[in-house]
Structure formats: structure tokens, C-alpha cells
C-alpha atoms as a PDB file:
ATOM      1  CA  MET A   1     107.791 114.933 103.599  1.00  0.00           C
ATOM      2  CA  THR A   2     107.393 112.953 106.810  1.00  0.00           C
ATOM      3  CA  SER A   3     109.439 109.833 107.481  1.00  0.00           C
ATOM      4  CA  GLU A   4     106.252 107.726 107.504  1.00  0.00           C
ATOM      5  CA  LYS A   5     105.267 108.982 104.058  1.00  0.00           C
ATOM      6  CA  LYS A   6     108.782 108.262 102.793  1.00  0.00           C
ATOM      7  CA  GLY A   7     108.539 104.755 104.232  1.00  0.00           C
ATOM      8  CA  PHE A   8     105.272 104.101 102.401  1.00  0.00           C
ATOM      9  CA  ILE A   9     106.687 105.459  99.118  1.00  0.00           C
ATOM     10  CA  TYR A  10     109.898 103.415  99.404  1.00  0.00           C
ATOM     11  CA  THR A  11     107.946 100.229 100.166  1.00  0.00           C
ATOM     12  CA  ILE A  12     105.493 100.769  97.320  1.00  0.00           C
ATOM     13  CA  ILE A  13     108.360 101.339  94.863  1.00  0.00           C
ATOM     14  CA  ALA A  14     110.143  98.212  96.146  1.00  0.00           C
ATOM     15  CA  THR A  15     107.150  95.885  95.925  1.00  0.00           C
ATOM     16  CA  THR A  16     106.131  97.297  92.543  1.00  0.00           C
ATOM     17  CA  SER A  17     109.688  96.702  91.297  1.00  0.00           C
ATOM     18  CA  TRP A  18     109.495  93.059  92.353  1.00  0.00           C
ATOM     19  CA  GLY A  19     106.214  92.801  90.461  1.00  0.00           C
ATOM     20  CA  ILE A  20     107.794  94.349  87.364  1.00  0.00           C
ATOM     21  CA  SER A  21     110.672  91.855  87.545  1.00  0.00           C
ATOM     22  CA  GLY A  22     108.247  89.005  86.818  1.00  0.00           C
ATOM     23  CA  VAL A  23     107.051  90.808  83.694  1.00  0.00           C
ATOM     24  CA  LEU A  24     110.642  91.488  82.591  1.00  0.00           C
ATOM     25  CA  GLY A  25     111.450  87.806  83.025  1.00  0.00           C
ATOM     26  CA  ASP A  26     108.350  86.926  81.014  1.00  0.00           C
ATOM     27  CA  TYR A  27     109.424  89.201  78.152  1.00  0.00           C
ATOM     28  CA  LEU A  28     113.001  87.901  78.100  1.00  0.00           C
ATOM     29  CA  LEU A  29     112.022  84.221  78.183  1.00  0.00           C
ATOM     30  CA  ASN A  30     109.333  84.505  75.537  1.00  0.00           C
ATOM     31  CA  SER A  31     110.632  87.258  73.247  1.00  0.00           C
ATOM     32  CA  GLN A  32     114.404  86.710  73.407  1.00  0.00           C
ATOM     33  CA  SER A  33     116.568  83.664  72.761  1.00  0.00           C
ATOM     34  CA  ILE A  34     117.431  82.989  76.399  1.00  0.00           C
ATOM     35  CA  THR A  35     116.705  80.195  78.880  1.00  0.00           C
ATOM     36  CA  PRO A  36     115.795  80.288  82.600  1.00  0.00           C
ATOM     37  CA  SER A  37     119.206  78.858  83.541  1.00  0.00           C
ATOM     38  CA  ILE A  38     121.125  81.552  81.641  1.00  0.00           C
ATOM     39  CA  LEU A  39     118.887  84.272  83.024  1.00  0.00           C
ATOM     40  CA  THR A  40     119.373  82.928  86.571  1.00  0.00           C
ATOM     41  CA  SER A  41     123.141  83.330  86.240  1.00  0.00           C
ATOM     42  CA  PHE A  42     122.800  86.738  84.598  1.00  0.00           C
ATOM     43  CA  ARG A  43     120.555  87.912  87.400  1.00  0.00           C
ATOM     44  CA  MET A  44     122.244  86.517  90.496  1.00  0.00           C
ATOM     45  CA  ILE A  45     125.956  87.156  90.020  1.00  0.00           C
ATOM     46  CA  PRO A  46     125.777  90.865  89.060  1.00  0.00           C
ATOM     47  CA  ALA A  47     123.077  91.444  91.675  1.00  0.00           C
ATOM     48  CA  GLY A  48     125.277  89.855  94.348  1.00  0.00           C
ATOM     49  CA  ILE A  49     128.233  92.043  93.400  1.00  0.00           C
ATOM     50  CA  LEU A  50     126.131  95.211  93.353  1.00  0.00           C
ATOM     51  CA  LEU A  51     124.541  94.423  96.725  1.00  0.00           C
ATOM     52  CA  LEU A  52     127.967  93.845  98.289  1.00  0.00           C
ATOM     53  CA  LEU A  53     129.170  97.156  96.859  1.00  0.00           C
ATOM     54  CA  LEU A  54     126.036  98.774  98.288  1.00  0.00           C
ATOM     55  CA  SER A  55     126.797  97.213 101.667  1.00  0.00           C
ATOM     56  CA  TYR A  56     130.389  98.459 101.528  1.00  0.00           C
ATOM     57  CA  GLY A  57     129.240 101.953 100.603  1.00  0.00           C
ATOM     58  CA  LYS A  58     126.783 101.932 103.500  1.00  0.00           C
ATOM     59  CA  ASP A  59     128.997 100.779 106.376  1.00  0.00           C
ATOM     60  CA  GLY A  60     132.488 100.319 104.887  1.00  0.00           C
ATOM     61  CA  HIS A  61     132.457  96.539 105.363  1.00  0.00           C
ATOM     62  CA  LEU A  62     132.056  93.540 103.056  1.00  0.00           C
ATOM     63  CA  HIS A  63     131.229  91.300 106.049  1.00  0.00           C
ATOM     64  CA  ILE A  64     133.880  88.703 105.192  1.00  0.00           C
ATOM     65  CA  ASP A  65     133.024  87.002 108.501  1.00  0.00           C
ATOM     66  CA  LEU A  66     130.058  85.485 106.666  1.00  0.00           C
ATOM     67  CA  LEU A  67     132.542  83.260 104.824  1.00  0.00           C
ATOM     68  CA  LYS A  68     134.016  81.813 108.008  1.00  0.00           C
ATOM     69  CA  LYS A  69     133.207  78.217 108.889  1.00  0.00           C
ATOM     70  CA  LYS A  70     130.665  79.010 111.626  1.00  0.00           C
ATOM     71  CA  ASN A  71     128.581  81.028 109.162  1.00  0.00           C
ATOM     72  CA  PHE A  72     129.412  79.519 105.792  1.00  0.00           C
ATOM     73  CA  ILE A  73     127.305  76.341 105.971  1.00  0.00           C
ATOM     74  CA  THR A  74     124.191  78.340 106.868  1.00  0.00           C
ATOM     75  CA  LEU A  75     124.970  81.003 104.266  1.00  0.00           C
ATOM     76  CA  TYR A  76     125.622  78.434 101.547  1.00  0.00           C
ATOM     77  CA  SER A  77     122.463  76.470 102.321  1.00  0.00           C
ATOM     78  CA  PHE A  78     120.498  79.711 102.140  1.00  0.00           C
ATOM     79  CA  ALA A  79     122.210  80.624  98.855  1.00  0.00           C
ATOM     80  CA  VAL A  80     121.617  77.329  97.066  1.00  0.00           C
ATOM     81  CA  LEU A  81     118.416  75.931  98.593  1.00  0.00           C
ATOM     82  CA  GLY A  82     116.841  79.341  99.078  1.00  0.00           C
ATOM     83  CA  LEU A  83     117.970  82.008  96.625  1.00  0.00           C
ATOM     84  CA  VAL A  84     119.042  79.863  93.654  1.00  0.00           C
ATOM     85  CA  ALA A  85     116.134  77.468  93.963  1.00  0.00           C
ATOM     86  CA  ILE A  86     113.603  80.299  94.152  1.00  0.00           C
ATOM     87  CA  GLN A  87     115.110  82.283  91.280  1.00  0.00           C
ATOM     88  CA  PHE A  88     115.388  79.305  88.926  1.00  0.00           C
ATOM     89  CA  ALA A  89     111.994  77.806  89.826  1.00  0.00           C
ATOM     90  CA  PHE A  90     110.361  81.239  89.482  1.00  0.00           C
ATOM     91  CA  LEU A  91     111.790  81.726  85.983  1.00  0.00           C
ATOM     92  CA  MET A  92     110.762  78.197  85.004  1.00  0.00           C
ATOM     93  CA  ALA A  93     107.230  78.958  86.238  1.00  0.00           C
ATOM     94  CA  ILE A  94     107.227  82.108  84.092  1.00  0.00           C
ATOM     95  CA  LYS A  95     108.370  80.081  81.088  1.00  0.00           C
ATOM     96  CA  TYR A  96     105.400  77.716  81.363  1.00  0.00           C
ATOM     97  CA  THR A  97     102.781  80.257  82.545  1.00  0.00           C
ATOM     98  CA  ASN A  98     103.352  84.028  82.638  1.00  0.00           C
ATOM     99  CA  GLY A  99     104.951  86.633  84.883  1.00  0.00           C
ATOM    100  CA  GLY A 100     101.759  87.495  86.761  1.00  0.00           C
ATOM    101  CA  THR A 101     100.729  83.916  87.514  1.00  0.00           C
ATOM    102  CA  ALA A 102     104.252  82.875  88.519  1.00  0.00           C
ATOM    103  CA  THR A 103     104.497  85.829  90.921  1.00  0.00           C
ATOM    104  CA  VAL A 104     101.174  84.915  92.546  1.00  0.00           C
ATOM    105  CA  LEU A 105     102.218  81.269  92.950  1.00  0.00           C
ATOM    106  CA  GLN A 106     105.511  82.320  94.523  1.00  0.00           C
ATOM    107  CA  TYR A 107     103.501  84.583  96.825  1.00  0.00           C
ATOM    108  CA  LEU A 108     102.191  81.391  98.466  1.00  0.00           C
ATOM    109  CA  GLY A 109     105.571  81.183 100.235  1.00  0.00           C
ATOM    110  CA  PRO A 110     104.314  82.392 103.658  1.00  0.00           C
ATOM    111  CA  ILE A 111     101.692  79.631 103.570  1.00  0.00           C
ATOM    112  CA  PHE A 112     104.428  76.994 103.331  1.00  0.00           C
ATOM    113  CA  VAL A 113     106.385  78.742 106.092  1.00  0.00           C
ATOM    114  CA  LEU A 114     103.275  78.521 108.300  1.00  0.00           C
ATOM    115  CA  LEU A 115     102.844  74.808 107.541  1.00  0.00           C
ATOM    116  CA  PHE A 116     106.512  74.126 108.325  1.00  0.00           C
ATOM    117  CA  LEU A 117     106.293  75.968 111.650  1.00  0.00           C
ATOM    118  CA  CYS A 118     103.151  74.039 112.607  1.00  0.00           C
ATOM    119  CA  ILE A 119     104.923  70.752 111.851  1.00  0.00           C
ATOM    120  CA  ARG A 120     108.072  71.800 113.728  1.00  0.00           C
ATOM    121  CA  GLU A 121     106.079  72.937 116.741  1.00  0.00           C
ATOM    122  CA  LYS A 122     103.863  69.819 116.533  1.00  0.00           C
ATOM    123  CA  ARG A 123     100.628  71.777 116.616  1.00  0.00           C
ATOM    124  CA  LEU A 124      97.561  72.339 114.500  1.00  0.00           C
ATOM    125  CA  PRO A 125      97.046  75.708 112.790  1.00  0.00           C
ATOM    126  CA  ARG A 126      95.182  78.270 114.878  1.00  0.00           C
ATOM    127  CA  PHE A 127      91.822  79.547 113.670  1.00  0.00           C
ATOM    128  CA  PHE A 128      93.040  82.388 111.477  1.00  0.00           C
ATOM    129  CA  GLU A 129      95.988  80.286 110.275  1.00  0.00           C
ATOM    130  CA  GLY A 130      93.570  77.551 109.220  1.00  0.00           C
ATOM    131  CA  PHE A 131      91.366  80.161 107.554  1.00  0.00           C
ATOM    132  CA  ALA A 132      94.376  81.456 105.618  1.00  0.00           C
ATOM    133  CA  LEU A 133      95.343  77.928 104.559  1.00  0.00           C
ATOM    134  CA  ALA A 134      91.820  77.321 103.276  1.00  0.00           C
ATOM    135  CA  LEU A 135      91.859  80.603 101.325  1.00  0.00           C
ATOM    136  CA  ALA A 136      95.235  79.733  99.815  1.00  0.00           C
ATOM    137  CA  PHE A 137      94.095  76.250  98.800  1.00  0.00           C
ATOM    138  CA  ILE A 138      90.864  77.527  97.226  1.00  0.00           C
ATOM    139  CA  GLY A 139      92.732  80.383  95.516  1.00  0.00           C
ATOM    140  CA  THR A 140      95.286  78.019  94.002  1.00  0.00           C
ATOM    141  CA  TYR A 141      92.462  75.729  92.868  1.00  0.00           C
ATOM    142  CA  TYR A 142      90.707  78.571  91.020  1.00  0.00           C
ATOM    143  CA  LEU A 143      93.961  79.855  89.576  1.00  0.00           C
ATOM    144  CA  ALA A 144      94.870  76.412  88.238  1.00  0.00           C
ATOM    145  CA  THR A 145      91.451  75.197  87.057  1.00  0.00           C
ATOM    146  CA  GLN A 146      89.183  78.263  86.694  1.00  0.00           C
ATOM    147  CA  GLY A 147      86.755  76.374  88.934  1.00  0.00           C
ATOM    148  CA  ASN A 148      86.526  73.233  86.792  1.00  0.00           C
ATOM    149  CA  ILE A 149      88.261  70.367  88.602  1.00  0.00           C
ATOM    150  CA  LYS A 150      88.343  68.318  85.382  1.00  0.00           C
ATOM    151  CA  HIS A 151      90.227  70.996  83.488  1.00  0.00           C
ATOM    152  CA  LEU A 152      93.723  72.153  84.472  1.00  0.00           C
ATOM    153  CA  VAL A 153      94.217  75.590  82.915  1.00  0.00           C
ATOM    154  CA  LEU A 154      97.818  76.083  83.978  1.00  0.00           C
ATOM    155  CA  ASP A 155     100.581  74.064  82.390  1.00  0.00           C
ATOM    156  CA  PRO A 156     101.374  71.360  85.017  1.00  0.00           C
ATOM    157  CA  LYS A 157     105.072  72.239  84.774  1.00  0.00           C
ATOM    158  CA  GLY A 158     104.298  75.891  85.441  1.00  0.00           C
ATOM    159  CA  LEU A 159     102.175  75.006  88.477  1.00  0.00           C
ATOM    160  CA  PHE A 160     104.898  72.640  89.743  1.00  0.00           C
ATOM    161  CA  PHE A 161     107.732  75.163  89.476  1.00  0.00           C
ATOM    162  CA  GLY A 162     105.576  77.949  90.928  1.00  0.00           C
ATOM    163  CA  LEU A 163     104.835  75.829  93.989  1.00  0.00           C
ATOM    164  CA  ILE A 164     108.526  74.823  94.256  1.00  0.00           C
ATOM    165  CA  ALA A 165     109.467  78.520  94.294  1.00  0.00           C
ATOM    166  CA  ALA A 166     106.948  79.065  97.095  1.00  0.00           C
ATOM    167  CA  LEU A 167     108.143  75.981  98.998  1.00  0.00           C
ATOM    168  CA  CYS A 168     111.777  77.140  98.889  1.00  0.00           C
ATOM    169  CA  THR A 169     110.629  80.283 100.682  1.00  0.00           C
ATOM    170  CA  VAL A 170     110.787  78.185 103.862  1.00  0.00           C
ATOM    171  CA  VAL A 171     114.585  77.995 103.522  1.00  0.00           C
ATOM    172  CA  TYR A 172     114.796  81.581 102.324  1.00  0.00           C
ATOM    173  CA  VAL A 173     112.904  82.920 105.366  1.00  0.00           C
ATOM    174  CA  LEU A 174     114.055  80.648 108.184  1.00  0.00           C
ATOM    175  CA  ALA A 175     117.633  79.591 107.382  1.00  0.00           C
ATOM    176  CA  PRO A 176     119.429  82.955 107.515  1.00  0.00           C
ATOM    177  CA  GLN A 177     117.711  84.489 110.562  1.00  0.00           C
ATOM    178  CA  ARG A 178     120.816  84.432 112.785  1.00  0.00           C
ATOM    179  CA  LEU A 179     123.004  85.793 109.996  1.00  0.00           C
ATOM    180  CA  LEU A 180     120.521  88.579 109.266  1.00  0.00           C
ATOM    181  CA  ALA A 181     120.444  89.591 112.923  1.00  0.00           C
ATOM    182  CA  GLU A 182     124.245  89.692 113.164  1.00  0.00           C
ATOM    183  CA  HIS A 183     125.204  91.152 109.774  1.00  0.00           C
ATOM    184  CA  GLY A 184     122.130  92.801 108.264  1.00  0.00           C
ATOM    185  CA  THR A 185     120.080  91.928 105.206  1.00  0.00           C
ATOM    186  CA  ILE A 186     122.037  93.470 102.340  1.00  0.00           C
ATOM    187  CA  PRO A 187     125.406  91.694 102.945  1.00  0.00           C
ATOM    188  CA  VAL A 188     123.694  88.342 103.593  1.00  0.00           C
ATOM    189  CA  ILE A 189     121.600  88.607 100.426  1.00  0.00           C
ATOM    190  CA  GLY A 190     124.628  89.916  98.493  1.00  0.00           C
ATOM    191  CA  TRP A 191     126.922  87.038  99.454  1.00  0.00           C
ATOM    192  CA  GLY A 192     124.055  84.596  99.004  1.00  0.00           C
ATOM    193  CA  MET A 193     123.346  85.861  95.495  1.00  0.00           C
ATOM    194  CA  LEU A 194     127.023  85.781  94.529  1.00  0.00           C
ATOM    195  CA  LEU A 195     127.777  82.330  95.980  1.00  0.00           C
ATOM    196  CA  GLY A 196     124.530  80.871  94.703  1.00  0.00           C
ATOM    197  CA  GLY A 197     124.996  82.351  91.243  1.00  0.00           C
ATOM    198  CA  ILE A 198     128.552  81.045  90.938  1.00  0.00           C
ATOM    199  CA  THR A 199     127.542  77.577  92.168  1.00  0.00           C
ATOM    200  CA  PHE A 200     124.589  77.401  89.788  1.00  0.00           C
ATOM    201  CA  THR A 201     126.725  78.530  86.857  1.00  0.00           C
ATOM    202  CA  LEU A 202     129.432  75.944  87.570  1.00  0.00           C
ATOM    203  CA  LEU A 203     126.980  73.062  88.040  1.00  0.00           C
ATOM    204  CA  ALA A 204     124.383  73.872  85.385  1.00  0.00           C
ATOM    205  CA  ASN A 205     126.887  75.251  82.852  1.00  0.00           C
ATOM    206  CA  PRO A 206     124.115  77.344  81.265  1.00  0.00           C
ATOM    207  CA  PHE A 207     126.428  79.128  78.854  1.00  0.00           C
ATOM    208  CA  SER A 208     127.055  75.885  76.973  1.00  0.00           C
ATOM    209  CA  GLN A 209     123.635  76.631  75.466  1.00  0.00           C
ATOM    210  CA  SER A 210     123.483  79.007  72.548  1.00  0.00           C
ATOM    211  CA  PHE A 211     121.615  82.239  73.106  1.00  0.00           C
ATOM    212  CA  HIS A 212     121.205  85.586  71.429  1.00  0.00           C
ATOM    213  CA  LEU A 213     120.063  88.827  72.966  1.00  0.00           C
ATOM    214  CA  THR A 214     119.248  91.990  71.073  1.00  0.00           C
ATOM    215  CA  LEU A 215     120.384  95.346  72.396  1.00  0.00           C
ATOM    216  CA  SER A 216     116.949  95.819  73.977  1.00  0.00           C
ATOM    217  CA  GLY A 217     117.255  92.324  75.474  1.00  0.00           C
ATOM    218  CA  TRP A 218     120.496  93.259  77.249  1.00  0.00           C
ATOM    219  CA  PHE A 219     118.815  96.422  78.489  1.00  0.00           C
ATOM    220  CA  PHE A 220     115.956  94.396  79.993  1.00  0.00           C
ATOM    221  CA  VAL A 221     118.452  92.021  81.653  1.00  0.00           C
ATOM    222  CA  PHE A 222     120.050  95.098  83.227  1.00  0.00           C
ATOM    223  CA  LEU A 223     116.616  96.289  84.392  1.00  0.00           C
ATOM    224  CA  LEU A 224     115.891  92.841  85.836  1.00  0.00           C
ATOM    225  CA  VAL A 225     119.057  92.996  87.934  1.00  0.00           C
ATOM    226  CA  ILE A 226     118.435  96.564  89.124  1.00  0.00           C
ATOM    227  CA  LEU A 227     114.619  96.627  89.444  1.00  0.00           C
ATOM    228  CA  GLY A 228     114.271  93.004  90.503  1.00  0.00           C
ATOM    229  CA  THR A 229     117.028  92.902  93.104  1.00  0.00           C
ATOM    230  CA  VAL A 230     119.242  95.848  94.010  1.00  0.00           C
ATOM    231  CA  LEU A 231     116.689  98.675  94.108  1.00  0.00           C
ATOM    232  CA  PRO A 232     113.821  96.845  95.865  1.00  0.00           C
ATOM    233  CA  TYR A 233     115.984  95.292  98.592  1.00  0.00           C
ATOM    234  CA  GLY A 234     117.512  98.647  99.472  1.00  0.00           C
ATOM    235  CA  LEU A 235     114.210 100.543  99.445  1.00  0.00           C
ATOM    236  CA  TYR A 236     112.242  97.808 101.217  1.00  0.00           C
ATOM    237  CA  LEU A 237     114.707  97.696 104.090  1.00  0.00           C
ATOM    238  CA  GLU A 238     114.568 101.476 104.390  1.00  0.00           C
ATOM    239  CA  GLY A 239     110.780 101.167 104.413  1.00  0.00           C
ATOM    240  CA  VAL A 240     110.981  98.667 107.275  1.00  0.00           C
ATOM    241  CA  ARG A 241     113.172 101.104 109.210  1.00  0.00           C
ATOM    242  CA  LEU A 242     110.779 104.015 108.694  1.00  0.00           C
ATOM    243  CA  ILE A 243     107.326 102.423 109.128  1.00  0.00           C
ATOM    244  CA  GLY A 244     107.994  98.996 110.651  1.00  0.00           C
ATOM    245  CA  ALA A 245     107.812  95.380 109.483  1.00  0.00           C
ATOM    246  CA  VAL A 246     104.037  95.021 109.925  1.00  0.00           C
ATOM    247  CA  LYS A 247     103.054  97.840 107.570  1.00  0.00           C
ATOM    248  CA  THR A 248     105.690  96.921 104.980  1.00  0.00           C
ATOM    249  CA  SER A 249     104.615  93.260 104.970  1.00  0.00           C
ATOM    250  CA  MET A 250     101.030  94.338 104.315  1.00  0.00           C
ATOM    251  CA  LEU A 251     102.133  96.577 101.452  1.00  0.00           C
ATOM    252  CA  ALA A 252     103.931  93.548  99.962  1.00  0.00           C
ATOM    253  CA  ALA A 253     100.549  92.536  98.506  1.00  0.00           C
ATOM    254  CA  ILE A 254     101.277  95.152  95.843  1.00  0.00           C
ATOM    255  CA  GLU A 255     103.843  92.776  94.307  1.00  0.00           C
ATOM    256  CA  PRO A 256     101.461  90.138  92.860  1.00  0.00           C
ATOM    257  CA  VAL A 257      98.862  92.779  92.010  1.00  0.00           C
ATOM    258  CA  SER A 258     101.406  94.843  90.054  1.00  0.00           C
ATOM    259  CA  ALA A 259     102.737  91.725  88.333  1.00  0.00           C
ATOM    260  CA  VAL A 260      99.248  90.785  87.129  1.00  0.00           C
ATOM    261  CA  LEU A 261      98.453  94.345  86.016  1.00  0.00           C
ATOM    262  CA  PHE A 262     101.736  94.858  84.181  1.00  0.00           C
ATOM    263  CA  SER A 263     101.422  91.436  82.519  1.00  0.00           C
ATOM    264  CA  ALA A 264      98.003  92.450  81.210  1.00  0.00           C
ATOM    265  CA  ILE A 265      99.040  95.977  80.176  1.00  0.00           C
ATOM    266  CA  PHE A 266     102.463  95.417  78.635  1.00  0.00           C
ATOM    267  CA  LEU A 267     102.358  91.775  77.521  1.00  0.00           C
ATOM    268  CA  GLY A 268      98.659  91.457  76.730  1.00  0.00           C
ATOM    269  CA  THR A 269      98.217  88.550  79.142  1.00  0.00           C
ATOM    270  CA  SER A 270      94.545  87.824  79.752  1.00  0.00           C
ATOM    271  CA  PHE A 271      93.149  86.403  82.990  1.00  0.00           C
ATOM    272  CA  HIS A 272      89.827  84.607  83.368  1.00  0.00           C
ATOM    273  CA  LYS A 273      87.534  86.005  86.070  1.00  0.00           C
ATOM    274  CA  MET A 274      87.942  82.810  88.095  1.00  0.00           C
ATOM    275  CA  GLU A 275      91.729  83.127  87.872  1.00  0.00           C
ATOM    276  CA  LEU A 276      91.430  86.679  89.189  1.00  0.00           C
ATOM    277  CA  LEU A 277      89.291  85.341  92.042  1.00  0.00           C
ATOM    278  CA  GLY A 278      92.020  82.823  92.819  1.00  0.00           C
ATOM    279  CA  ILE A 279      94.663  85.569  92.815  1.00  0.00           C
ATOM    280  CA  LEU A 280      92.547  87.664  95.179  1.00  0.00           C
ATOM    281  CA  LEU A 281      92.050  84.733  97.581  1.00  0.00           C
ATOM    282  CA  ILE A 282      95.802  83.976  97.661  1.00  0.00           C
ATOM    283  CA  ILE A 283      96.634  87.610  98.428  1.00  0.00           C
ATOM    284  CA  LEU A 284      93.955  87.656 101.129  1.00  0.00           C
ATOM    285  CA  ALA A 285      95.351  84.434 102.626  1.00  0.00           C
ATOM    286  CA  VAL A 286      98.821  85.922 103.050  1.00  0.00           C
ATOM    287  CA  TYR A 287      97.316  89.144 104.409  1.00  0.00           C
ATOM    288  CA  VAL A 288      95.397  87.158 107.061  1.00  0.00           C
ATOM    289  CA  ILE A 289      98.591  85.410 108.191  1.00  0.00           C
ATOM    290  CA  GLU A 290     100.615  88.620 108.436  1.00  0.00           C
ATOM    291  CA  LYS A 291      97.777  90.507 110.112  1.00  0.00           C
END
């Protein structure tokens, strides 16, 4: 098997795994006695530990330098305002909508990154950027209303948290760029997950709430940690190494598509044809930007 074919396979598995994670979150929040705050802690802390162990196994370092003063403020901002905010808002969006819809709304993240960069650079969007913004706006409109402006199909809370998850992508993408260049993705994400998870747990105190998970529920939490975090990050980065960032970013469109398909197949979630049009327009908008 050629390295390019391996890169495509690794990237497809990674993006599909991220799509599956939305469906797993949907199942746990709606079929088990667990809340988004508890699930955020369950997901982030073990994932952070496993990613750091993966980093140590890869290069023999835990990258403790990330905890030094010159790096810590950036790392901590990324952990709390990026990783924690996205994870919690994403799970809240799932709670009020479904795994497929929440994944598509979060997929609007690059649109917010584009808007932020335009504001920072004090410029208007270029032609294709403006075209992508228009597609994203129209897609979100159809997803939320099914084309009837007087009728909001999505729960307003679900739409709000989905857009918050997308908005926090600005911090997630832009804040850690220097750290990623100096230390690599896996240790930065690992420390970010661990620090963010610990901070969220201490502040939100989610385990003061009563919860009960069946044996299958614990198994799906384990799958959420592995399939939603550890496996996809490792494979996606290997995909970037083998086929480049451009091709992997284009294949990332598989994530929302797989989330919608798996929601329909495994959870019986139904989507109106206008909602599907909205999903398609959002995916196309991100594709236009990354093209």
C-alpha cells in the first residue's frame, strides 16, 4: 500500500471517528442518566492522560516546558476557552438537538475564524470568502428553520450552544499556533485536555449531580474517549504527514456527513429535506474556504 493511500485511509478513519463521537454523545445524553458537564469531565481528563502517554511513547518526552510561564498562559487559555468551551457547548448542543445537527453547527468554526481574521486585518472578505459566508448563512438558516423564517425548527438553546462551539473554534485554531509549531500537536492537545478537564471539574463540580450509567453506558464513554479523541488525533496527524494539510482538510467534510448518517442509521434521527440542504450548504461553505 502506498503512503498516499495510507494517508487517505488514516484521514477517513479519523474524520469518521469524530463524526461517530457526536452520535455516541447523543446516545449517552439521551439514553443514560448523565449530563453534559459530567460527560465533559469524563471525556477530557482521560483523553488528556492518554494523549500525553501517546506523546511520551512517540518521542520519549512529556513536554513539561509547556507548563513554564512563557507557555502556560497561552496553553491555559487554549485549554479553557478553546477545548473546554467547545467540548461542553458541543455536548449541550447535542442535548437540545441531536448528534448530527450539533456536529454540523460546530463545523461552522472555520467561518468564524475567517470573520475574525477579516476583522483583525481590517479588510472585507474576498470574493470566494464572501461566497462561503453567504453559503454558511443560508445553510444555517435552512438547518434552523427548514426554509420558513416564522418557524424555528431547532431548539433555540441547541442552536445557541452549537454556534458557541463553532465560535470557540477561533481560540482553538489561533491561540496555540506557536505552541503547536514548537512542541507538536499531540502534547499540546494532551496538556490542554488534562488542564481544561481538571479546571472544568473543579469549577463546575459536575459529580455533585447524581448519575447512573449501565455497563453499556460505561463502554460508550470509553468509546467516546478513544474514538472521539485519542484515535482520530493520532491518525489525522499521520494523514497530514502523508498527504498534506490541504487534502486532509478537504476530507474533513466526512465528519459532519458521517455524523448525520450515523444519527439516522443508529439513533433513528430524521432530517427534513430542507435541513439536509442546509447541511450541504454549510459543508460546501467550509470546502470553498479551504480550497
